[in-house]
């Protein structure tokens, strides 16, 4: 019983650390991804379509050439699904792969076909 309890307390502690890192926006030092947070394209912390699209268009996407990119999902500001697609389409053909989600749970949304 004691070993079981220690295991579960350790598991809960690890989950708490992971969850607090996700909420604070901290990036683990060992992350294999270049992170893109859609909140970085917001104006004044609020989603406005025209400002968002202008910021996406003005971003230097070439810095992600050949890299594995993670487009961060959940956040505290509601962002429509098409906004994530606007970011992902800019990365197609530039990035080595594009994923959506967070560092611990993500889905591949673009990976070039192998020749």
Protein backbone atom coordinates (compact mmCIF):
# COMPACT_ATOMS: atom_id res chain seq x y z
CA UNK A 1 0.00 0.00 0.00
CA UNK A 2 2.79 2.42 0.90
CA UNK A 3 4.62 1.84 -2.42
CA UNK A 4 1.38 2.38 -4.33
CA UNK A 5 0.76 5.68 -2.51
CA UNK A 6 4.32 6.90 -3.16
CA UNK A 7 3.96 6.10 -6.86
CA UNK A 8 0.71 8.04 -7.16
CA UNK A 9 2.04 11.03 -5.22
CA UNK A 10 5.06 11.13 -7.52
CA UNK A 11 2.79 10.92 -10.57
CA UNK A 12 0.59 13.74 -9.30
CA UNK A 13 3.66 15.89 -8.58
CA UNK A 14 4.97 15.35 -12.11
CA UNK A 15 1.58 16.21 -13.60
CA UNK A 16 1.42 19.35 -11.47
CA UNK A 17 4.85 20.51 -12.71
CA UNK A 18 3.97 19.77 -16.34
CA UNK A 19 0.63 21.55 -16.03
CA UNK A 20 2.15 24.62 -14.35
CA UNK A 21 4.80 24.87 -17.08
CA UNK A 22 2.11 24.76 -19.76
CA UNK A 23 0.06 27.45 -18.04
CA UNK A 24 3.01 29.75 -17.45
CA UNK A 25 4.15 29.42 -21.04
CA UNK A 26 7.57 28.08 -20.06
CA UNK A 27 9.27 26.00 -22.70
CA UNK A 28 11.13 22.94 -21.53
CA UNK A 29 14.85 23.22 -22.27
CA UNK A 30 14.78 19.91 -24.11
CA UNK A 31 11.91 20.75 -26.46
CA UNK A 32 12.68 19.52 -29.99
CA UNK A 33 10.28 22.05 -31.52
CA UNK A 34 10.33 25.68 -32.52
CA UNK A 35 7.22 27.06 -30.85
CA UNK A 36 4.68 29.37 -32.41
CA UNK A 37 2.03 30.76 -30.12
CA UNK A 38 -0.93 32.33 -31.96
CA UNK A 39 -1.26 34.79 -29.07
CA UNK A 40 1.95 36.42 -30.35
CA UNK A 41 -0.02 37.63 -33.39
CA UNK A 42 -2.77 39.32 -31.35
CA UNK A 43 -3.06 43.06 -30.99
CA UNK A 44 -3.62 44.25 -27.44
CA UNK A 45 -4.26 40.73 -26.16
CA UNK A 46 -7.54 40.43 -28.06
CA UNK A 47 -8.28 38.61 -31.29
CA UNK A 48 -9.12 41.00 -34.12
CA UNK A 49 -9.21 39.41 -37.54
CA UNK A 50 -7.61 42.24 -39.54
CA UNK A 51 -4.77 42.76 -37.03
CA UNK A 52 -4.15 39.03 -36.76
CA UNK A 53 -3.92 38.54 -40.53
CA UNK A 54 -1.65 41.58 -40.91
CA UNK A 55 0.69 40.24 -38.19
CA UNK A 56 0.76 36.78 -39.78
CA UNK A 57 1.52 38.29 -43.19
CA UNK A 58 4.32 40.42 -41.76
CA UNK A 59 6.02 37.61 -39.85
CA UNK A 60 9.39 36.25 -41.04
CA UNK A 61 8.50 32.61 -41.71
CA UNK A 62 11.91 31.78 -43.20
CA UNK A 63 13.32 31.43 -39.67
CA UNK A 64 11.49 28.10 -39.46
CA UNK A 65 13.15 26.61 -42.56
CA UNK A 66 13.93 22.94 -41.98
CA UNK A 67 12.73 23.00 -38.38
CA UNK A 68 10.08 20.99 -36.58
CA UNK A 69 7.46 23.53 -35.59
CA UNK A 70 4.78 23.27 -32.92
CA UNK A 71 1.79 25.60 -33.19
CA UNK A 72 0.52 25.94 -29.65
CA UNK A 73 -3.11 25.02 -29.15
CA UNK A 74 -4.94 25.89 -25.97
CA UNK A 75 -4.62 29.32 -24.49
CA UNK A 76 -6.51 31.82 -22.41
CA UNK A 77 -7.71 33.86 -25.43
CA UNK A 78 -10.32 32.34 -27.75
CA UNK A 79 -8.84 31.96 -31.23
CA UNK A 80 -10.94 30.64 -34.13
CA UNK A 81 -9.84 27.41 -35.86
CA UNK A 82 -9.15 29.13 -39.18
CA UNK A 83 -6.45 31.25 -37.48
CA UNK A 84 -4.42 28.11 -36.75
CA UNK A 85 -4.83 27.10 -40.39
CA UNK A 86 -3.58 30.53 -41.50
CA UNK A 87 -0.40 29.96 -39.51
CA UNK A 88 0.03 26.35 -40.66
CA UNK A 89 -0.34 27.22 -44.35
CA UNK A 90 2.53 29.71 -44.04
CA UNK A 91 4.75 26.91 -42.74
CA UNK A 92 3.96 24.34 -45.45
CA UNK A 93 6.99 23.92 -47.69
CA UNK A 94 9.23 25.75 -45.23
CA UNK A 95 9.17 23.72 -42.03
CA UNK A 96 10.37 20.14 -41.76
CA UNK A 97 7.09 19.31 -39.99
CA UNK A 98 4.22 21.18 -38.37
CA UNK A 99 2.40 19.98 -35.27
CA UNK A 100 -0.56 21.32 -33.34
CA UNK A 101 -1.02 21.05 -29.57
CA UNK A 102 1.48 21.37 -26.75
CA UNK A 103 4.90 19.90 -26.00
CA UNK A 104 3.43 16.80 -24.36
CA UNK A 105 0.42 16.07 -26.55
CA UNK A 106 0.45 17.10 -30.21
CA UNK A 107 -0.69 15.98 -33.63
CA UNK A 108 1.25 16.16 -36.91
CA UNK A 109 -0.64 18.35 -39.36
CA UNK A 110 2.06 18.62 -42.03
CA UNK A 111 5.00 16.46 -42.96
CA UNK A 112 6.35 16.34 -46.52
CA UNK A 113 6.09 13.03 -48.30
CA UNK A 114 9.26 11.01 -48.54
CA UNK A 115 10.51 10.65 -52.14
